[in-house]
Amino acid sequence: MTHMEALRRRSEIVNRIRNFFIELRYVEVDTPILAAHPIPEAHLELFETAYLPPEYRGGDPVPLFLLPSPEYYLKQLLASGCGSLFEITHTFRNSESIGPQHSPEFTMLEYYTVDADGDDSLGITADLLRALGVTAEPLILTMEDAFARYAGVDLAALLAGTPTEPAGLKQKEEEFQKVFLTDVEPALPTDRPVFVTRYPAVVPTLARAIPGTPWADRWELYLGGMEVANCYGEETDPGRIEAFFRQQQAAKRENCRVQHPVEGAFLEGGAPLPRCSGAALGVDRLVMYLLGVTDIERVLSFTLFR
């Protein structure tokens, strides 16, 4: 397949994705990719630029940042009563490796379903894959099952007695990540889509904790061994959302070179977030999988340095 043929196929795939959600009566929205006050994410480096007002004559420029996700704006629309929505947009992550599966600028599909949980989003995503021509039935397994099957580790036992102080939580998270990245992720099947569900709640995210369990309402989708989508049954409690972002902001000060201001509360002054589930899917990797190519440059019109 030539590069131009791959780009034509990509265009067809993106149109089919858009039509899939439009037929489900999701609202397609268009949010900013340039922001003065991004939400803090502890381990994501941002691209920084500045706005120079027309009257600028040596005064202070206004710092702006390219966003790694449209989450902040999409959730404002959800809280305002927009209903189920989706966006296909460019997103940016600085200080990441450039290679066969990575590009600092990439295309993301992010979609939120109102009155839904992670299981509902999993079904929608499986339907999307079928609409795009994926015939292999997906494998759906919990993270606990994946640890037992591919690493021989009892994940519930590993997490048992998790301390509540930050240092103890961080240690448990690191133990989980080490086994997952070393033993579990590389062993996931590549001949069919794989949904890994019920992530440990000890990993800090905005996925809703499942009451009475050590798990969070979260899944990730793997296609051909690549992590392609990440989904949460969203946390809606304003206090927990704010506490999470305070923790992220503190961690970002230690982990990231590019710092940015955070203005007010995440949804300050607005209505609370409705019960919903949100998924973020890497369009470039999805196209790679559907076309059977192994280098992301084959499905991009242009790359950063070429």
Protein backbone atom coordinates (compact mmCIF):
# COMPACT_ATOMS: atom_id res chain seq x y z
CA MET A 1 0.00 0.00 0.00
CA THR A 2 1.43 3.38 -1.00
CA HIS A 3 1.42 6.33 1.36
CA MET A 4 -1.28 8.11 -0.68
CA GLU A 5 -3.48 4.99 -0.67
CA ALA A 6 -3.12 4.82 3.12
CA LEU A 7 -4.19 8.46 3.43
CA ARG A 8 -7.28 7.84 1.29
CA ARG A 9 -8.19 4.85 3.45
CA ARG A 10 -7.64 6.95 6.56
CA SER A 11 -10.09 9.54 5.26
CA GLU A 12 -12.71 6.82 4.72
CA ILE A 13 -12.18 5.45 8.24
CA VAL A 14 -12.50 8.86 9.88
CA ASN A 15 -15.72 9.52 7.99
CA ARG A 16 -17.11 6.16 9.10
CA ILE A 17 -16.23 6.96 12.72
CA ARG A 18 -17.99 10.32 12.46
CA ASN A 19 -21.09 8.79 10.84
CA PHE A 20 -21.22 6.05 13.50
CA PHE A 21 -21.64 8.59 16.29
CA ILE A 22 -23.91 10.89 14.31
CA GLU A 23 -26.24 7.96 13.66
CA LEU A 24 -26.32 7.37 17.42
CA ARG A 25 -27.38 11.02 17.78
CA TYR A 26 -24.23 12.17 19.55
CA VAL A 27 -23.46 15.86 19.15
CA GLU A 28 -20.21 16.55 17.33
CA VAL A 29 -18.42 19.47 18.97
CA ASP A 30 -15.32 21.54 18.25
CA THR A 31 -13.33 22.64 21.30
CA PRO A 32 -10.13 24.73 21.62
CA ILE A 33 -6.72 23.10 21.40
CA LEU A 34 -5.02 26.21 22.80
CA ALA A 35 -5.69 27.10 26.44
CA ALA A 36 -4.48 29.52 29.10
CA HIS A 37 -5.37 27.22 32.00
CA PRO A 38 -5.08 23.50 31.18
CA ILE A 39 -6.11 20.98 33.77
CA PRO A 40 -3.04 19.60 35.58
CA GLU A 41 -1.93 16.11 34.58
CA ALA A 42 1.00 14.88 36.61
CA HIS A 43 3.00 13.07 33.95
CA LEU A 44 2.17 14.95 30.74
CA GLU A 45 4.55 17.60 29.42
CA LEU A 46 2.85 20.35 27.43
CA PHE A 47 3.87 22.47 24.46
CA GLU A 48 4.01 26.10 25.55
CA THR A 49 3.50 29.20 23.41
CA ALA A 50 2.24 32.75 24.04
CA TYR A 51 -0.35 35.24 22.84
CA LEU A 52 0.98 38.69 21.95
CA PRO A 53 -1.85 41.25 22.11
CA PRO A 54 -2.00 43.78 19.23
CA GLU A 55 -0.82 46.51 21.58
CA TYR A 56 2.12 44.37 22.69
CA ARG A 57 5.24 46.53 22.99
CA GLY A 58 7.57 44.59 25.22
CA GLY A 59 5.07 43.84 27.96
CA ASP A 60 4.37 40.40 29.34
CA PRO A 61 2.96 37.93 26.78
CA VAL A 62 0.06 35.69 27.79
CA PRO A 63 1.21 32.06 28.19
CA LEU A 64 -0.84 29.50 26.26
CA PHE A 65 -0.57 25.72 26.00
CA LEU A 66 -1.44 23.11 23.38
CA LEU A 67 -3.77 20.59 24.99
CA PRO A 68 -3.10 16.84 25.34
CA SER A 69 -6.84 16.15 25.46
CA PRO A 70 -10.15 17.99 24.93
CA GLU A 71 -11.42 16.64 28.29
CA TYR A 72 -11.66 19.98 30.08
CA TYR A 73 -13.95 21.57 27.50
CA LEU A 74 -15.98 18.45 26.75
CA LYS A 75 -16.83 18.06 30.44
CA GLN A 76 -17.92 21.69 30.62
CA LEU A 77 -20.34 20.99 27.76
CA LEU A 78 -21.57 17.83 29.50
CA ALA A 79 -22.17 19.77 32.72
CA SER A 80 -24.09 22.37 30.72
CA GLY A 81 -26.54 19.75 29.46
CA CYS A 82 -25.17 19.09 25.96
CA GLY A 83 -25.90 15.36 26.19
CA SER A 84 -23.78 12.60 24.64
CA LEU A 85 -21.07 14.12 22.47
CA PHE A 86 -17.89 13.38 20.56
CA GLU A 87 -14.95 15.17 19.00
CA ILE A 88 -12.19 14.20 16.55
CA THR A 89 -9.32 16.60 17.18
CA HIS A 90 -5.57 17.07 17.17
CA THR A 91 -3.84 16.72 20.54
CA PHE A 92 -0.27 17.31 21.68
CA ARG A 93 2.14 15.71 24.13
CA ASN A 94 5.64 17.02 24.62
CA SER A 95 8.71 15.07 25.73
CA GLU A 96 7.43 11.75 24.36
CA SER A 97 9.44 9.37 22.23
CA ILE A 98 9.07 9.59 18.46
CA GLY A 99 8.78 6.14 16.94
CA PRO A 100 6.59 3.63 15.10
CA GLN A 101 3.66 4.11 17.50
CA HIS A 102 4.23 7.66 18.78
CA SER A 103 3.91 11.19 17.45
CA PRO A 104 3.97 14.40 19.54
CA GLU A 105 0.93 15.59 17.55
CA PHE A 106 -1.78 13.01 17.04
CA THR A 107 -5.49 12.65 16.34
CA MET A 108 -7.82 11.72 19.18
CA LEU A 109 -11.45 10.63 19.16
CA GLU A 110 -13.00 11.45 22.52
CA TYR A 111 -16.62 10.53 23.20
CA TYR A 112 -18.85 10.79 26.26
CA THR A 113 -22.09 8.92 26.80
CA VAL A 114 -24.59 10.34 29.27
CA ASP A 115 -26.35 8.03 31.73
CA ALA A 116 -23.77 5.30 31.09
CA ASP A 117 -20.93 3.46 32.79
CA GLY A 118 -17.76 1.85 31.50
CA ASP A 119 -19.56 -1.32 30.44
CA ASP A 120 -21.91 0.72 28.26
CA SER A 121 -18.95 2.43 26.60
CA LEU A 122 -17.29 -0.93 26.04
CA GLY A 123 -20.34 -2.11 24.12
CA ILE A 124 -20.41 1.08 22.04
CA THR A 125 -16.71 0.73 21.25
CA ALA A 126 -17.11 -2.91 20.25
CA ASP A 127 -19.94 -1.84 17.93
CA LEU A 128 -17.68 0.85 16.46
CA LEU A 129 -14.99 -1.74 15.70
CA ARG A 130 -17.54 -3.95 13.95
CA ALA A 131 -18.77 -0.95 11.95
CA LEU A 132 -15.17 -0.43 10.83
CA GLY A 133 -14.90 -4.01 9.59
CA VAL A 134 -13.25 -5.77 12.54
CA THR A 135 -14.68 -9.30 12.48
CA ALA A 136 -12.75 -10.94 15.32
CA GLU A 137 -14.79 -11.07 18.52
CA PRO A 138 -13.04 -9.14 21.31
CA LEU A 139 -11.55 -10.73 24.39
CA ILE A 140 -12.88 -9.07 27.53
CA LEU A 141 -11.07 -9.80 30.77
CA THR A 142 -10.61 -8.03 34.07
CA MET A 143 -7.22 -6.81 35.15
CA GLU A 144 -7.38 -9.37 37.95
CA ASP A 145 -7.89 -12.16 35.39
CA ALA A 146 -5.12 -10.77 33.18
CA PHE A 147 -2.63 -10.79 36.07
CA ALA A 148 -3.51 -14.37 36.94
CA ARG A 149 -3.43 -15.58 33.31
CA TYR A 150 -0.31 -13.85 32.02
CA ALA A 151 1.78 -13.18 35.13
CA GLY A 152 0.63 -15.80 37.63
CA VAL A 153 0.00 -13.02 40.15
CA ASP A 154 -2.98 -12.65 42.48
CA LEU A 155 -3.70 -8.96 41.95
CA ALA A 156 -6.26 -8.73 44.77
CA ALA A 157 -3.65 -10.12 47.16
CA LEU A 158 -1.04 -7.71 45.81
CA LEU A 159 -3.37 -4.81 46.58
CA ALA A 160 -4.60 -6.16 49.92
CA GLY A 161 -3.90 -3.94 52.88
CA THR A 162 -3.11 -0.96 50.70
CA PRO A 163 -2.03 1.85 53.04
CA THR A 164 -3.83 5.18 52.80
CA GLU A 165 -0.85 7.53 53.10
CA PRO A 166 0.54 8.89 49.79
CA ALA A 167 3.86 7.02 50.00
CA GLY A 168 2.10 3.69 50.55
CA LEU A 169 -0.36 4.29 47.73
CA LYS A 170 2.46 5.23 45.38
CA GLN A 171 4.37 2.05 46.26
CA LYS A 172 1.34 -0.15 45.51
CA GLU A 173 0.78 1.67 42.22
CA GLU A 174 4.42 1.14 41.25
CA GLU A 175 4.20 -2.58 42.09
CA PHE A 176 1.11 -2.89 39.90
CA GLN A 177 2.65 -0.96 36.99
CA LYS A 178 5.86 -3.01 37.07
CA VAL A 179 4.06 -6.35 36.73
CA PHE A 180 1.58 -5.01 34.18
CA LEU A 181 4.15 -3.41 31.87
CA THR A 182 6.71 -6.21 32.20
CA ASP A 183 4.59 -9.35 32.17
CA VAL A 184 0.94 -8.69 31.36
CA GLU A 185 0.82 -6.11 28.57
CA PRO A 186 3.38 -7.85 26.31
CA ALA A 187 1.46 -11.15 26.64
CA LEU A 188 -1.96 -9.83 25.59
CA PRO A 189 -3.28 -11.53 22.42
CA THR A 190 -2.73 -9.69 19.16
CA ASP A 191 -5.16 -11.68 16.97
CA ARG A 192 -8.28 -9.93 18.25
CA PRO A 193 -9.31 -6.80 20.15
CA VAL A 194 -8.64 -7.04 23.88
CA PHE A 195 -10.53 -5.03 26.50
CA VAL A 196 -8.84 -5.05 29.91
CA THR A 197 -11.34 -3.89 32.53
CA ARG A 198 -11.53 -3.09 36.25
CA TYR A 199 -8.24 -1.32 36.86
CA PRO A 200 -6.98 -0.99 40.45
CA ALA A 201 -8.46 2.05 42.15
CA VAL A 202 -5.01 2.68 43.67
CA VAL A 203 -3.95 4.08 40.26
CA PRO A 204 -5.07 7.74 40.49
CA THR A 205 -7.52 8.65 37.72
CA LEU A 206 -10.98 10.20 37.40
CA ALA A 207 -12.54 6.75 36.96
CA ARG A 208 -15.31 6.09 39.46
CA ALA A 209 -14.37 3.66 42.23
CA ILE A 210 -16.56 0.55 42.32
CA PRO A 211 -17.98 0.42 45.86
CA GLY A 212 -16.85 -2.44 48.07
CA THR A 213 -14.01 -3.44 45.73
CA PRO A 214 -10.39 -2.39 45.07
CA TRP A 215 -11.30 -1.67 41.44
CA ALA A 216 -12.20 1.37 39.36
CA ASP A 217 -14.68 1.54 36.48
CA ARG A 218 -11.99 1.76 33.83
CA TRP A 219 -10.90 -0.21 30.77
CA GLU A 220 -8.30 -0.01 28.04
CA LEU A 221 -8.51 -1.39 24.50
CA TYR A 222 -5.56 -3.13 22.85
CA LEU A 223 -5.40 -3.75 19.11
CA GLY A 224 -2.49 -5.74 17.70
CA GLY A 225 -0.64 -5.26 20.99
CA MET A 226 -1.06 -1.46 20.93
CA GLU A 227 -2.96 0.42 23.62
CA VAL A 228 -5.54 2.33 21.56
CA ALA A 229 -8.31 3.52 23.90
CA ASN A 230 -8.80 4.41 27.55
CA CYS A 231 -12.24 4.68 29.15
CA TYR A 232 -13.67 5.72 32.52
CA GLY A 233 -17.01 5.46 34.14
CA GLU A 234 -16.54 9.08 35.16
CA GLU A 235 -16.23 10.36 38.70
CA THR A 236 -18.95 12.97 39.21
CA ASP A 237 -18.47 13.99 42.84
CA PRO A 238 -17.17 17.61 42.75
CA GLY A 239 -15.12 17.18 45.92
CA ARG A 240 -13.34 14.10 44.63
CA ILE A 241 -12.70 15.72 41.26
CA GLU A 242 -11.14 18.77 42.90
CA ALA A 243 -9.06 16.63 45.28
CA PHE A 244 -7.75 14.63 42.31
CA PHE A 245 -6.65 17.74 40.44
CA ARG A 246 -5.03 19.21 43.55
CA GLN A 247 -3.00 16.00 43.82
CA GLN A 248 -2.15 16.14 40.12
CA GLN A 249 -1.05 19.75 40.38
CA ALA A 250 1.28 18.98 43.28
CA ALA A 251 2.78 16.01 41.43
CA LYS A 252 3.19 18.05 38.25
CA ARG A 253 5.40 20.53 40.10
CA GLU A 254 7.81 17.68 40.81
CA ASN A 255 7.58 15.75 37.53
CA CYS A 256 7.24 18.24 34.69
CA ARG A 257 9.46 20.92 33.21
CA VAL A 258 6.62 22.97 31.71
CA GLN A 259 4.41 24.41 34.45
CA HIS A 260 1.14 26.24 33.91
CA PRO A 261 -1.39 28.20 35.94
CA VAL A 262 -4.56 26.52 37.15
CA GLU A 263 -7.51 28.86 37.51
CA GLY A 264 -10.20 28.04 40.03
CA ALA A 265 -12.04 24.77 40.36
CA PHE A 266 -12.40 22.33 37.50
CA LEU A 267 -16.11 23.00 37.08
CA GLU A 268 -16.35 26.09 39.27
CA GLY A 269 -19.68 27.85 39.15
CA GLY A 270 -21.24 25.29 36.79
CA ALA A 271 -23.67 22.44 37.11
CA PRO A 272 -22.30 19.09 38.34
CA LEU A 273 -21.15 16.53 35.82
CA PRO A 274 -23.98 14.12 34.91
CA ARG A 275 -23.58 10.37 35.26
CA CYS A 276 -21.55 9.49 32.20
CA SER A 277 -18.73 7.47 30.71
CA GLY A 278 -15.93 8.89 28.59
CA ALA A 279 -13.47 7.22 26.23
CA ALA A 280 -10.40 8.56 24.44
CA LEU A 281 -9.24 6.66 21.36
CA GLY A 282 -6.09 7.20 19.33
CA VAL A 283 -7.27 7.50 15.72
CA ASP A 284 -3.80 7.11 14.19
CA ARG A 285 -3.20 3.79 15.96
CA LEU A 286 -6.68 2.59 15.07
CA VAL A 287 -6.00 3.34 11.40
CA MET A 288 -2.65 1.53 11.65
CA TYR A 289 -4.41 -1.55 12.97
CA LEU A 290 -7.17 -1.48 10.36
CA LEU A 291 -4.67 -1.06 7.50
CA GLY A 292 -2.18 -3.57 8.85
CA VAL A 293 0.76 -1.15 8.97
CA THR A 294 3.29 -0.92 11.79
CA ASP A 295 4.66 2.61 11.44
CA ILE A 296 2.54 5.62 12.38
CA GLU A 297 4.24 7.72 9.66
CA ARG A 298 2.41 5.59 7.06
CA VAL A 299 -0.96 6.95 8.20
CA LEU A 300 0.01 10.62 8.78
CA SER A 301 0.10 13.22 6.02
CA PHE A 302 3.06 14.92 7.68
CA THR A 303 5.21 14.28 10.75
CA LEU A 304 7.08 16.70 12.96
CA PHE A 305 10.49 16.38 11.35
CA ARG A 306 9.57 15.00 7.92
